[in-house]
Amino acid sequence: MLSSSTIKRTARYTATGLLAGVLMLASASAFAGECPADQVGTDVMKPGATMPKDVTDNVIGMIDLAKDKLTLDRRFRLRRLEVQPGGVVPWHAHDDRPAIIYIISGSITEYRSTCTVPIEHKAGEVAVENGSLAHWWKNNGSEPVVLLSADLFSDPNDHTM
């Protein structure tokens, strides 16, 4: 039979070992769809693709916020994008157009100005785009990728990806 002090000591060692393991994993990897913490920087990725390729962009719905009680000179839209294999969403910035992207199906690679390594986004993940972020996306897979993009924008003729 083990003494209570031996049980307590074993429990402390086990808890310490588990915590150390979790911290090692957390420091070595990022959350799904995020840049690893040790790869974050400012303007570390330069413009890549600058023209769209094999991507369709359908506005699903839109609210003109300038006509709403919010008194914003913006429009709020939801778009469905399909990016074919090899397709590209070209380099663009989000300093004046915040967006949230939901990956419905497939897997797509993002190349961010704030990350030294590409970021892989998979179905079910969300990417938040705002502030000084500039980036481009590419479907490096063999299947189409389907995205939902919700953004706030001011120019009614804006078709920026």
Protein backbone atom coordinates (compact mmCIF):
# COMPACT_ATOMS: atom_id res chain seq x y z
CA MET A 1 0.00 0.00 0.00
CA LEU A 2 1.34 3.46 -0.91
CA SER A 3 1.54 6.18 1.69
CA SER A 4 -0.46 9.38 1.20
CA SER A 5 2.78 11.38 0.78
CA THR A 6 3.90 9.03 -2.03
CA ILE A 7 0.52 9.40 -3.77
CA LYS A 8 0.66 13.20 -3.47
CA ARG A 9 4.26 13.30 -4.77
CA THR A 10 3.32 11.05 -7.73
CA ALA A 11 0.30 13.23 -8.52
CA ARG A 12 2.51 16.37 -8.46
CA TYR A 13 5.06 14.78 -10.80
CA THR A 14 2.31 13.62 -13.16
CA ALA A 15 0.68 17.07 -13.22
CA THR A 16 4.06 18.76 -13.77
CA GLY A 17 4.88 16.37 -16.62
CA LEU A 18 1.52 16.92 -18.29
CA LEU A 19 1.85 20.70 -17.99
CA ALA A 20 5.37 20.59 -19.46
CA GLY A 21 4.12 18.48 -22.39
CA VAL A 22 1.25 20.83 -23.12
CA LEU A 23 3.56 23.86 -22.97
CA MET A 24 6.05 22.21 -25.34
CA LEU A 25 3.31 21.44 -27.85
CA ALA A 26 1.82 24.93 -27.55
CA SER A 27 5.18 26.60 -28.14
CA ALA A 28 5.96 24.42 -31.16
CA SER A 29 2.68 24.87 -32.97
CA ALA A 30 -0.01 27.47 -33.58
CA PHE A 31 -3.74 27.21 -33.23
CA ALA A 32 -5.46 26.00 -36.39
CA GLY A 33 -5.30 28.61 -39.10
CA GLU A 34 -2.92 30.97 -37.27
CA CYS A 35 0.68 31.98 -37.78
CA PRO A 36 3.07 30.27 -35.34
CA ALA A 37 4.04 32.78 -32.64
CA ASP A 38 7.74 32.56 -33.50
CA GLN A 39 7.02 33.42 -37.16
CA VAL A 40 5.02 36.64 -36.61
CA GLY A 41 6.45 39.95 -37.84
CA THR A 42 5.68 43.12 -39.78
CA ASP A 43 5.91 43.05 -43.58
CA VAL A 44 7.78 39.73 -43.48
CA MET A 45 5.93 38.36 -46.52
CA LYS A 46 6.02 40.44 -49.69
CA PRO A 47 3.32 40.54 -52.39
CA GLY A 48 2.93 37.26 -54.20
CA ALA A 49 0.16 36.63 -56.71
CA THR A 50 -1.42 39.90 -57.86
CA MET A 51 -4.15 38.65 -60.20
CA PRO A 52 -7.07 36.30 -59.43
CA LYS A 53 -6.93 32.89 -61.06
CA ASP A 54 -9.66 30.25 -61.20
CA VAL A 55 -11.77 31.79 -58.44
CA THR A 56 -15.47 32.70 -58.61
CA ASP A 57 -16.86 35.41 -56.34
CA ASN A 58 -20.63 35.51 -55.77
CA VAL A 59 -22.19 38.11 -53.47
CA ILE A 60 -24.79 36.16 -51.46
CA GLY A 61 -26.27 39.14 -49.64
CA MET A 62 -25.42 42.71 -48.78
CA ILE A 63 -26.59 45.47 -46.42
CA ASP A 64 -25.84 49.10 -47.26
CA LEU A 65 -24.98 50.37 -43.76
CA ALA A 66 -25.03 54.00 -44.94
CA LYS A 67 -28.83 53.62 -45.14
CA ASP A 68 -29.13 51.91 -41.76
CA LYS A 69 -29.41 53.49 -38.31
CA LEU A 70 -25.76 52.65 -37.72
CA THR A 71 -24.69 55.76 -39.67
CA LEU A 72 -21.73 53.99 -41.20
CA ASP A 73 -20.66 54.75 -44.73
CA ARG A 74 -20.15 51.05 -45.38
CA ARG A 75 -21.74 48.04 -46.92
CA PHE A 76 -21.84 44.65 -45.25
CA ARG A 77 -21.69 41.72 -47.64
CA LEU A 78 -21.46 37.96 -47.58
CA ARG A 79 -19.81 36.25 -50.52
CA ARG A 80 -19.21 32.66 -51.54
CA LEU A 81 -15.87 32.08 -53.20
CA GLU A 82 -14.79 28.93 -54.98
CA VAL A 83 -11.08 28.56 -55.59
CA GLN A 84 -10.18 25.85 -58.08
CA PRO A 85 -7.01 23.75 -57.75
CA GLY A 86 -4.11 26.10 -58.53
CA GLY A 87 -6.47 29.07 -58.14
CA VAL A 88 -5.31 32.30 -56.52
CA VAL A 89 -6.96 35.04 -54.48
CA PRO A 90 -4.47 37.86 -55.27
CA TRP A 91 -2.46 40.06 -52.90
CA HIS A 92 -4.70 42.58 -51.14
CA ALA A 93 -4.87 44.58 -47.90
CA HIS A 94 -7.45 44.91 -45.13
CA ASP A 95 -6.55 48.27 -43.61
CA ASP A 96 -9.96 49.66 -44.64
CA ARG A 97 -11.96 46.46 -45.17
CA PRO A 98 -12.26 44.07 -42.23
CA ALA A 99 -13.38 40.57 -43.14
CA ILE A 100 -14.06 37.18 -41.63
CA ILE A 101 -13.53 34.11 -43.81
CA TYR A 102 -15.10 30.72 -43.07
CA ILE A 103 -13.64 27.72 -44.90
CA ILE A 104 -16.57 25.50 -45.88
CA SER A 105 -14.66 22.78 -47.68
CA GLY A 106 -11.16 21.97 -48.82
CA SER A 107 -7.85 23.37 -47.70
CA ILE A 108 -6.19 26.62 -48.80
CA THR A 109 -2.84 28.27 -48.10
CA GLU A 110 -2.56 31.89 -46.97
CA TYR A 111 0.60 33.97 -47.42
CA ARG A 112 0.43 36.86 -44.88
CA SER A 113 2.51 40.02 -44.62
CA THR A 114 2.68 39.32 -40.88
CA CYS A 115 3.94 35.73 -41.03
CA THR A 116 7.20 34.30 -42.36
CA VAL A 117 5.63 30.94 -43.20
CA PRO A 118 2.47 30.03 -45.16
CA ILE A 119 -0.66 29.26 -43.11
CA GLU A 120 -2.84 26.29 -44.03
CA HIS A 121 -6.59 26.81 -43.52
CA LYS A 122 -8.87 23.76 -43.44
CA ALA A 123 -12.63 23.24 -43.59
CA GLY A 124 -14.34 24.47 -40.44
CA GLU A 125 -11.72 27.11 -39.65
CA VAL A 126 -12.11 30.89 -39.61
CA ALA A 127 -9.61 33.55 -40.69
CA VAL A 128 -9.94 37.11 -39.36
CA GLU A 129 -8.64 39.83 -41.68
CA ASN A 130 -8.20 43.41 -40.48
CA GLY A 131 -5.74 46.12 -39.53
CA SER A 132 -2.44 46.22 -41.36
CA LEU A 133 -2.83 42.72 -42.80
CA ALA A 134 -1.98 42.22 -46.47
CA HIS A 135 -1.98 38.74 -47.98
CA TRP A 136 -2.85 36.35 -50.79
CA TRP A 137 -4.27 32.80 -50.89
CA LYS A 138 -3.63 29.80 -53.13
CA ASN A 139 -5.35 26.45 -53.49
CA ASN A 140 -2.39 24.07 -53.60
CA GLY A 141 -4.67 21.04 -53.41
CA SER A 142 -6.43 18.90 -56.01
CA GLU A 143 -10.02 19.77 -55.00
CA PRO A 144 -11.93 23.10 -55.16
CA VAL A 145 -12.03 25.14 -51.94
CA VAL A 146 -15.27 26.87 -50.90
CA LEU A 147 -15.12 29.95 -48.66
CA LEU A 148 -17.69 32.30 -47.14
CA SER A 149 -16.38 35.86 -46.85
CA ALA A 150 -18.19 38.51 -44.78
CA ASP A 151 -16.71 42.01 -45.02
CA LEU A 152 -17.39 45.71 -44.46
CA PHE A 153 -16.47 47.88 -47.43
CA SER A 154 -17.18 51.40 -48.69
CA ASP A 155 -16.95 51.32 -52.50
CA PRO A 156 -20.06 49.68 -54.06
CA ASN A 157 -17.91 48.67 -57.06
CA ASP A 158 -15.28 47.04 -54.88
CA HIS A 159 -14.62 43.45 -55.94
CA THR A 160 -11.38 43.12 -54.00
CA MET A 161 -10.95 39.59 -52.84
